[in-house]
């Protein structure tokens, strides 16, 4: 069996996908050098022409392309996970960056961790904002599960057993009905199911914040997450 399915999702990032692809390839190369078998998947979800150009001829570099038309980040991840063949799946958004050691370090952490979803130790945001976020450990004695109702503790660039990402697919964002933040909802659902979320020491994700990013669109549309065991509210329409 393949150890890891590494997935880069792309939609309308255009030339911003270029640096992300290089980061993706570097992290995969380091993992392979450590003896970890990695398949690389480029998940193109209704991509713009400019985005498609960034991946022209990419199969010759050992990548496999998975096409979808979800027009949604969660839908693109679901399509890639369904097509993946690895024991673990990990995601990179088409305008973000991994630290070079992410795939190798996350695999070393997760392979004996059982039912665990791994995250980077730190997120560094750049672009519209510049800050650093530490990912919390749900196994820590000081962890407050109720806090997840008001703030998203973890982002979507997870490293998780493929069995988990298949059992818990992402729900589609629905801006018209004011439902969004698919990664937040997924974190609520998986944590409520008893799955630990834990940071991998010494790893970083570099998260680009731009006007067209999904998180900014969710914030500007004043959305909430879909109902879950963590947020069992009832939504009514008039």
C-alpha atoms as a PDB file:
ATOM      1  CA  UNK A   1       0.000   0.000   0.000  1.00  0.00           C
ATOM      2  CA  UNK A   2       1.081   3.579  -0.653  1.00  0.00           C
ATOM      3  CA  UNK A   3       1.918   5.373   2.585  1.00  0.00           C
ATOM      4  CA  UNK A   4       0.686   8.886   1.749  1.00  0.00           C
ATOM      5  CA  UNK A   5      -1.553  10.501  -0.865  1.00  0.00           C
ATOM      6  CA  UNK A   6      -0.435  14.134  -1.084  1.00  0.00           C
ATOM      7  CA  UNK A   7      -3.122  16.346  -2.622  1.00  0.00           C
ATOM      8  CA  UNK A   8      -2.768  19.876  -3.981  1.00  0.00           C
ATOM      9  CA  UNK A   9      -6.173  21.436  -4.667  1.00  0.00           C
ATOM     10  CA  UNK A  10      -6.506  24.285  -7.156  1.00  0.00           C
ATOM     11  CA  UNK A  11      -9.414  26.392  -8.345  1.00  0.00           C
ATOM     12  CA  UNK A  12      -8.703  29.980  -9.423  1.00  0.00           C
ATOM     13  CA  UNK A  13      -5.281  30.664  -7.957  1.00  0.00           C
ATOM     14  CA  UNK A  14      -3.550  31.358 -11.284  1.00  0.00           C
ATOM     15  CA  UNK A  15       0.159  32.117 -10.954  1.00  0.00           C
ATOM     16  CA  UNK A  16      -0.058  31.788  -7.168  1.00  0.00           C
ATOM     17  CA  UNK A  17      -0.253  28.031  -7.697  1.00  0.00           C
ATOM     18  CA  UNK A  18       3.338  28.003  -8.959  1.00  0.00           C
ATOM     19  CA  UNK A  19       5.062  28.517  -5.586  1.00  0.00           C
ATOM     20  CA  UNK A  20       2.582  26.137  -3.970  1.00  0.00           C
ATOM     21  CA  UNK A  21       3.486  23.426  -6.469  1.00  0.00           C
ATOM     22  CA  UNK A  22       7.202  23.856  -5.743  1.00  0.00           C
ATOM     23  CA  UNK A  23       6.531  23.619  -1.990  1.00  0.00           C
ATOM     24  CA  UNK A  24       4.384  20.537  -2.585  1.00  0.00           C
ATOM     25  CA  UNK A  25       7.094  18.836  -4.626  1.00  0.00           C
ATOM     26  CA  UNK A  26       9.875  19.646  -2.158  1.00  0.00           C
ATOM     27  CA  UNK A  27       7.990  18.186   0.802  1.00  0.00           C
ATOM     28  CA  UNK A  28       7.160  15.055  -1.197  1.00  0.00           C
ATOM     29  CA  UNK A  29      10.773  14.630  -2.344  1.00  0.00           C
ATOM     30  CA  UNK A  30      12.046  14.815   1.250  1.00  0.00           C
ATOM     31  CA  UNK A  31       9.510  12.195   2.369  1.00  0.00           C
ATOM     32  CA  UNK A  32      10.438   9.862  -0.474  1.00  0.00           C
ATOM     33  CA  UNK A  33      14.126  10.266   0.376  1.00  0.00           C
ATOM     34  CA  UNK A  34      13.232   9.045   3.872  1.00  0.00           C
ATOM     35  CA  UNK A  35      11.719   5.867   2.438  1.00  0.00           C
ATOM     36  CA  UNK A  36       8.071   6.957   2.580  1.00  0.00           C
ATOM     37  CA  UNK A  37       5.989   6.042  -0.476  1.00  0.00           C
ATOM     38  CA  UNK A  38       4.008   9.072  -1.648  1.00  0.00           C
ATOM     39  CA  UNK A  39       1.595   9.498  -4.548  1.00  0.00           C
ATOM     40  CA  UNK A  40       1.027  13.091  -5.648  1.00  0.00           C
ATOM     41  CA  UNK A  41      -2.407  14.226  -6.800  1.00  0.00           C
ATOM     42  CA  UNK A  42      -3.289  17.561  -8.377  1.00  0.00           C
ATOM     43  CA  UNK A  43      -7.006  18.090  -7.725  1.00  0.00           C
ATOM     44  CA  UNK A  44      -8.318  20.640 -10.211  1.00  0.00           C
ATOM     45  CA  UNK A  45     -11.812  21.822  -9.299  1.00  0.00           C
ATOM     46  CA  UNK A  46     -13.440  23.874 -12.083  1.00  0.00           C
ATOM     47  CA  UNK A  47     -10.076  25.605 -12.583  1.00  0.00           C
ATOM     48  CA  UNK A  48      -9.606  28.883 -14.430  1.00  0.00           C
ATOM     49  CA  UNK A  49      -7.531  28.893 -17.621  1.00  0.00           C
ATOM     50  CA  UNK A  50      -4.705  30.669 -15.809  1.00  0.00           C
ATOM     51  CA  UNK A  51      -4.686  27.965 -13.147  1.00  0.00           C
ATOM     52  CA  UNK A  52      -4.689  25.156 -15.713  1.00  0.00           C
ATOM     53  CA  UNK A  53      -1.610  26.698 -17.341  1.00  0.00           C
ATOM     54  CA  UNK A  54       0.333  26.316 -14.089  1.00  0.00           C
ATOM     55  CA  UNK A  55      -0.097  22.551 -14.315  1.00  0.00           C
ATOM     56  CA  UNK A  56       0.474  22.033 -18.048  1.00  0.00           C
ATOM     57  CA  UNK A  57       2.410  18.799 -18.612  1.00  0.00           C
ATOM     58  CA  UNK A  58       2.450  18.064 -14.898  1.00  0.00           C
ATOM     59  CA  UNK A  59       1.967  14.309 -15.430  1.00  0.00           C
ATOM     60  CA  UNK A  60       5.523  14.124 -16.794  1.00  0.00           C
ATOM     61  CA  UNK A  61       6.733  15.135 -13.324  1.00  0.00           C
ATOM     62  CA  UNK A  62       5.006  12.167 -11.707  1.00  0.00           C
ATOM     63  CA  UNK A  63       1.754  13.844 -10.637  1.00  0.00           C
ATOM     64  CA  UNK A  64      -1.733  12.485 -11.233  1.00  0.00           C
ATOM     65  CA  UNK A  65      -4.598  14.850 -12.062  1.00  0.00           C
ATOM     66  CA  UNK A  66      -8.075  14.453 -10.548  1.00  0.00           C
ATOM     67  CA  UNK A  67     -10.803  16.665 -12.029  1.00  0.00           C
ATOM     68  CA  UNK A  68     -13.968  17.783 -10.254  1.00  0.00           C
ATOM     69  CA  UNK A  69     -16.677  20.384 -10.751  1.00  0.00           C
ATOM     70  CA  UNK A  70     -17.731  20.995  -7.154  1.00  0.00           C
ATOM     71  CA  UNK A  71     -16.647  24.663  -7.214  1.00  0.00           C
ATOM     72  CA  UNK A  72     -15.962  24.189  -3.538  1.00  0.00           C
ATOM     73  CA  UNK A  73     -12.771  23.462  -1.545  1.00  0.00           C
ATOM     74  CA  UNK A  74     -14.353  20.664   0.454  1.00  0.00           C
ATOM     75  CA  UNK A  75     -15.772  19.065  -2.670  1.00  0.00           C
ATOM     76  CA  UNK A  76     -12.342  19.097  -4.305  1.00  0.00           C
ATOM     77  CA  UNK A  77     -10.829  17.362  -1.259  1.00  0.00           C
ATOM     78  CA  UNK A  78     -13.623  14.776  -1.267  1.00  0.00           C
ATOM     79  CA  UNK A  79     -13.040  13.966  -4.933  1.00  0.00           C
ATOM     80  CA  UNK A  80      -9.307  13.553  -4.387  1.00  0.00           C
ATOM     81  CA  UNK A  81      -9.779  11.387  -1.288  1.00  0.00           C
ATOM     82  CA  UNK A  82     -12.134   9.086  -3.187  1.00  0.00           C
ATOM     83  CA  UNK A  83      -9.477   8.645  -5.868  1.00  0.00           C
ATOM     84  CA  UNK A  84      -6.519   8.348  -3.483  1.00  0.00           C
ATOM     85  CA  UNK A  85      -4.735   5.081  -2.754  1.00  0.00           C
ATOM     86  CA  UNK A  86      -2.622   5.969   0.278  1.00  0.00           C
ATOM     87  CA  UNK A  87      -3.027   4.924   3.891  1.00  0.00           C
ATOM     88  CA  UNK A  88      -2.953   8.628   4.788  1.00  0.00           C
ATOM     89  CA  UNK A  89      -4.149  11.721   2.928  1.00  0.00           C
ATOM     90  CA  UNK A  90      -2.774  15.242   3.300  1.00  0.00           C
ATOM     91  CA  UNK A  91      -3.901  18.461   1.611  1.00  0.00           C
ATOM     92  CA  UNK A  92      -2.300  21.669   0.376  1.00  0.00           C
ATOM     93  CA  UNK A  93      -4.396  24.556  -0.963  1.00  0.00           C
ATOM     94  CA  UNK A  94      -3.249  25.975  -4.288  1.00  0.00           C
ATOM     95  CA  UNK A  95      -2.061  29.290  -2.852  1.00  0.00           C
ATOM     96  CA  UNK A  96      -0.484  28.053   0.401  1.00  0.00           C
ATOM     97  CA  UNK A  97       2.862  26.485   1.302  1.00  0.00           C
ATOM     98  CA  UNK A  98       4.048  23.551   3.402  1.00  0.00           C
ATOM     99  CA  UNK A  99       7.237  23.556   5.413  1.00  0.00           C
ATOM    100  CA  UNK A 100       9.632  21.235   3.566  1.00  0.00           C
ATOM    101  CA  UNK A 101       9.425  18.608   6.349  1.00  0.00           C
ATOM    102  CA  UNK A 102       5.621  18.422   6.567  1.00  0.00           C
ATOM    103  CA  UNK A 103       4.896  15.125   4.810  1.00  0.00           C
ATOM    104  CA  UNK A 104       7.793  13.243   6.423  1.00  0.00           C
ATOM    105  CA  UNK A 105       7.244  14.621   9.931  1.00  0.00           C
ATOM    106  CA  UNK A 106       3.465  14.162   9.820  1.00  0.00           C
ATOM    107  CA  UNK A 107       3.843  10.572   8.629  1.00  0.00           C
ATOM    108  CA  UNK A 108       6.338   9.752  11.387  1.00  0.00           C
ATOM    109  CA  UNK A 109       3.899  11.254  13.892  1.00  0.00           C
ATOM    110  CA  UNK A 110       0.694   9.698  12.554  1.00  0.00           C
ATOM    111  CA  UNK A 111       1.701   6.179  11.543  1.00  0.00           C
ATOM    112  CA  UNK A 112       1.499   4.859  15.122  1.00  0.00           C
ATOM    113  CA  UNK A 113      -1.001   7.407  16.464  1.00  0.00           C
ATOM    114  CA  UNK A 114      -4.182   5.483  15.615  1.00  0.00           C
ATOM    115  CA  UNK A 115      -7.317   7.540  14.993  1.00  0.00           C
ATOM    116  CA  UNK A 116      -5.658  10.958  14.930  1.00  0.00           C
ATOM    117  CA  UNK A 117      -5.828  13.993  12.661  1.00  0.00           C
ATOM    118  CA  UNK A 118      -2.494  15.792  12.460  1.00  0.00           C
ATOM    119  CA  UNK A 119      -1.981  19.525  11.929  1.00  0.00           C
ATOM    120  CA  UNK A 120       1.034  21.769  11.611  1.00  0.00           C
ATOM    121  CA  UNK A 121       2.428  23.114  14.849  1.00  0.00           C
ATOM    122  CA  UNK A 122       2.195  26.694  13.573  1.00  0.00           C
ATOM    123  CA  UNK A 123       0.287  28.562  10.873  1.00  0.00           C
ATOM    124  CA  UNK A 124       1.984  31.694   9.533  1.00  0.00           C
ATOM    125  CA  UNK A 125      -0.499  33.952   7.724  1.00  0.00           C
ATOM    126  CA  UNK A 126       0.747  36.365   5.085  1.00  0.00           C
ATOM    127  CA  UNK A 127      -0.789  38.637   2.478  1.00  0.00           C
ATOM    128  CA  UNK A 128      -3.771  40.641   3.727  1.00  0.00           C
ATOM    129  CA  UNK A 129      -2.728  39.867   7.300  1.00  0.00           C
ATOM    130  CA  UNK A 130       0.498  38.805   8.958  1.00  0.00           C
ATOM    131  CA  UNK A 131       0.314  36.734  12.127  1.00  0.00           C
ATOM    132  CA  UNK A 132       1.137  33.387  13.672  1.00  0.00           C
ATOM    133  CA  UNK A 133      -1.319  30.833  15.078  1.00  0.00           C
ATOM    134  CA  UNK A 134      -0.398  27.873  17.272  1.00  0.00           C
ATOM    135  CA  UNK A 135      -2.511  24.766  16.717  1.00  0.00           C
ATOM    136  CA  UNK A 136      -3.835  23.332  19.971  1.00  0.00           C
ATOM    137  CA  UNK A 137      -3.700  19.680  21.015  1.00  0.00           C
ATOM    138  CA  UNK A 138      -7.099  18.135  21.772  1.00  0.00           C
ATOM    139  CA  UNK A 139      -5.337  15.587  23.997  1.00  0.00           C
ATOM    140  CA  UNK A 140      -3.907  18.294  26.263  1.00  0.00           C
ATOM    141  CA  UNK A 141      -5.398  18.398  29.770  1.00  0.00           C
ATOM    142  CA  UNK A 142      -6.140  22.130  29.322  1.00  0.00           C
ATOM    143  CA  UNK A 143      -8.003  21.678  26.023  1.00  0.00           C
ATOM    144  CA  UNK A 144     -11.467  23.297  26.008  1.00  0.00           C
ATOM    145  CA  UNK A 145     -13.758  21.538  23.529  1.00  0.00           C
ATOM    146  CA  UNK A 146     -16.488  24.158  23.999  1.00  0.00           C
ATOM    147  CA  UNK A 147     -14.160  26.784  22.574  1.00  0.00           C
ATOM    148  CA  UNK A 148     -14.565  25.186  19.147  1.00  0.00           C
ATOM    149  CA  UNK A 149     -18.101  26.587  19.095  1.00  0.00           C
ATOM    150  CA  UNK A 150     -16.769  30.134  18.802  1.00  0.00           C
ATOM    151  CA  UNK A 151     -13.365  29.781  17.120  1.00  0.00           C
ATOM    152  CA  UNK A 152     -11.877  27.319  14.643  1.00  0.00           C
ATOM    153  CA  UNK A 153      -8.899  25.665  16.322  1.00  0.00           C
ATOM    154  CA  UNK A 154      -7.443  24.014  13.187  1.00  0.00           C
ATOM    155  CA  UNK A 155      -7.216  24.612   9.452  1.00  0.00           C
ATOM    156  CA  UNK A 156      -7.909  22.286   6.507  1.00  0.00           C
ATOM    157  CA  UNK A 157      -4.318  21.275   5.655  1.00  0.00           C
ATOM    158  CA  UNK A 158      -4.624  18.071   7.634  1.00  0.00           C
ATOM    159  CA  UNK A 159      -2.748  14.776   7.596  1.00  0.00           C
ATOM    160  CA  UNK A 160      -5.205  12.006   8.380  1.00  0.00           C
ATOM    161  CA  UNK A 161      -5.934   8.325   7.760  1.00  0.00           C
ATOM    162  CA  UNK A 162      -7.821   7.944   4.489  1.00  0.00           C
ATOM    163  CA  UNK A 163     -10.471   5.944   6.347  1.00  0.00           C
ATOM    164  CA  UNK A 164     -11.317   9.077   8.341  1.00  0.00           C
ATOM    165  CA  UNK A 165     -11.544  11.454   5.384  1.00  0.00           C
ATOM    166  CA  UNK A 166     -13.785   8.965   3.579  1.00  0.00           C
ATOM    167  CA  UNK A 167     -16.040   8.434   6.595  1.00  0.00           C
ATOM    168  CA  UNK A 168     -16.366  12.166   7.185  1.00  0.00           C
ATOM    169  CA  UNK A 169     -16.568  14.008   3.838  1.00  0.00           C
ATOM    170  CA  UNK A 170     -16.569  17.798   3.827  1.00  0.00           C
ATOM    171  CA  UNK A 171     -19.912  19.559   3.499  1.00  0.00           C
ATOM    172  CA  UNK A 172     -20.268  22.061   0.680  1.00  0.00           C
ATOM    173  CA  UNK A 173     -20.187  25.750   1.532  1.00  0.00           C
ATOM    174  CA  UNK A 174     -23.497  27.472   0.830  1.00  0.00           C
ATOM    175  CA  UNK A 175     -23.069  31.244   0.876  1.00  0.00           C
ATOM    176  CA  UNK A 176     -26.692  31.924  -0.137  1.00  0.00           C
ATOM    177  CA  UNK A 177     -27.938  30.135   2.973  1.00  0.00           C
ATOM    178  CA  UNK A 178     -25.074  31.577   5.079  1.00  0.00           C
ATOM    179  CA  UNK A 179     -23.321  28.255   5.716  1.00  0.00           C
ATOM    180  CA  UNK A 180     -19.571  28.107   5.296  1.00  0.00           C
ATOM    181  CA  UNK A 181     -16.180  27.436   6.879  1.00  0.00           C
ATOM    182  CA  UNK A 182     -16.192  23.812   5.718  1.00  0.00           C
ATOM    183  CA  UNK A 183     -12.951  23.067   7.563  1.00  0.00           C
ATOM    184  CA  UNK A 184     -14.364  24.367  10.864  1.00  0.00           C
ATOM    185  CA  UNK A 185     -17.472  22.216  10.470  1.00  0.00           C
ATOM    186  CA  UNK A 186     -15.311  19.180   9.622  1.00  0.00           C
ATOM    187  CA  UNK A 187     -13.253  19.764  12.752  1.00  0.00           C
ATOM    188  CA  UNK A 188     -16.432  19.915  14.842  1.00  0.00           C
ATOM    189  CA  UNK A 189     -17.797  16.696  13.349  1.00  0.00           C
ATOM    190  CA  UNK A 190     -14.584  14.700  13.683  1.00  0.00           C
ATOM    191  CA  UNK A 191     -13.803  15.905  17.201  1.00  0.00           C
ATOM    192  CA  UNK A 192     -17.366  15.087  18.299  1.00  0.00           C
ATOM    193  CA  UNK A 193     -16.802  11.583  16.886  1.00  0.00           C
ATOM    194  CA  UNK A 194     -13.916  11.130  19.313  1.00  0.00           C
ATOM    195  CA  UNK A 195     -11.066  11.701  16.866  1.00  0.00           C
ATOM    196  CA  UNK A 196      -8.066  13.544  18.279  1.00  0.00           C
ATOM    197  CA  UNK A 197      -6.616  16.628  16.560  1.00  0.00           C
ATOM    198  CA  UNK A 198      -2.924  17.057  17.320  1.00  0.00           C
ATOM    199  CA  UNK A 199      -0.071  19.315  16.123  1.00  0.00           C
ATOM    200  CA  UNK A 200       3.169  17.924  14.703  1.00  0.00           C
ATOM    201  CA  UNK A 201       6.168  19.538  16.386  1.00  0.00           C
ATOM    202  CA  UNK A 202       8.536  21.450  14.142  1.00  0.00           C
ATOM    203  CA  UNK A 203       6.150  21.925  11.204  1.00  0.00           C
ATOM    204  CA  UNK A 204       4.691  25.084   9.661  1.00  0.00           C
ATOM    205  CA  UNK A 205       1.985  25.901   7.148  1.00  0.00           C
ATOM    206  CA  UNK A 206       2.231  29.230   5.351  1.00  0.00           C
ATOM    207  CA  UNK A 207      -1.312  30.450   4.731  1.00  0.00           C
ATOM    208  CA  UNK A 208      -1.932  33.149   2.139  1.00  0.00           C
ATOM    209  CA  UNK A 209      -4.759  35.546   2.919  1.00  0.00           C
ATOM    210  CA  UNK A 210      -6.150  37.307  -0.147  1.00  0.00           C
ATOM    211  CA  UNK A 211      -9.425  38.987  -1.101  1.00  0.00           C
ATOM    212  CA  UNK A 212     -10.639  36.002  -3.120  1.00  0.00           C
ATOM    213  CA  UNK A 213      -9.733  33.350  -0.541  1.00  0.00           C
ATOM    214  CA  UNK A 214     -12.492  31.101   0.777  1.00  0.00           C
ATOM    215  CA  UNK A 215     -12.005  32.179   4.389  1.00  0.00           C
ATOM    216  CA  UNK A 216     -12.293  35.865   3.465  1.00  0.00           C
ATOM    217  CA  UNK A 217     -15.431  35.164   1.405  1.00  0.00           C
ATOM    218  CA  UNK A 218     -16.965  33.348   4.369  1.00  0.00           C
ATOM    219  CA  UNK A 219     -16.158  36.205   6.713  1.00  0.00           C
ATOM    220  CA  UNK A 220     -17.484  38.849   4.310  1.00  0.00           C
ATOM    221  CA  UNK A 221     -20.743  36.878   3.902  1.00  0.00           C
ATOM    222  CA  UNK A 222     -21.128  36.540   7.689  1.00  0.00           C
ATOM    223  CA  UNK A 223     -21.645  32.787   7.523  1.00  0.00           C
ATOM    224  CA  UNK A 224     -21.930  30.153  10.235  1.00  0.00           C
ATOM    225  CA  UNK A 225     -20.989  26.488  10.086  1.00  0.00           C
ATOM    226  CA  UNK A 226     -23.504  23.775   9.252  1.00  0.00           C
ATOM    227  CA  UNK A 227     -25.247  22.261  12.316  1.00  0.00           C
ATOM    228  CA  UNK A 228     -23.283  19.531  14.080  1.00  0.00           C
ATOM    229  CA  UNK A 229     -23.118  17.777  17.432  1.00  0.00           C
ATOM    230  CA  UNK A 230     -20.933  20.677  18.567  1.00  0.00           C
ATOM    231  CA  UNK A 231     -23.515  23.230  17.354  1.00  0.00           C
ATOM    232  CA  UNK A 232     -26.965  21.582  17.453  1.00  0.00           C
ATOM    233  CA  UNK A 233     -28.916  24.686  16.476  1.00  0.00           C
ATOM    234  CA  UNK A 234     -31.960  24.686  14.196  1.00  0.00           C
ATOM    235  CA  UNK A 235     -31.871  26.959  11.134  1.00  0.00           C
ATOM    236  CA  UNK A 236     -35.188  28.334   9.880  1.00  0.00           C
ATOM    237  CA  UNK A 237     -35.903  30.382   6.776  1.00  0.00           C
ATOM    238  CA  UNK A 238     -38.589  32.950   6.131  1.00  0.00           C
END
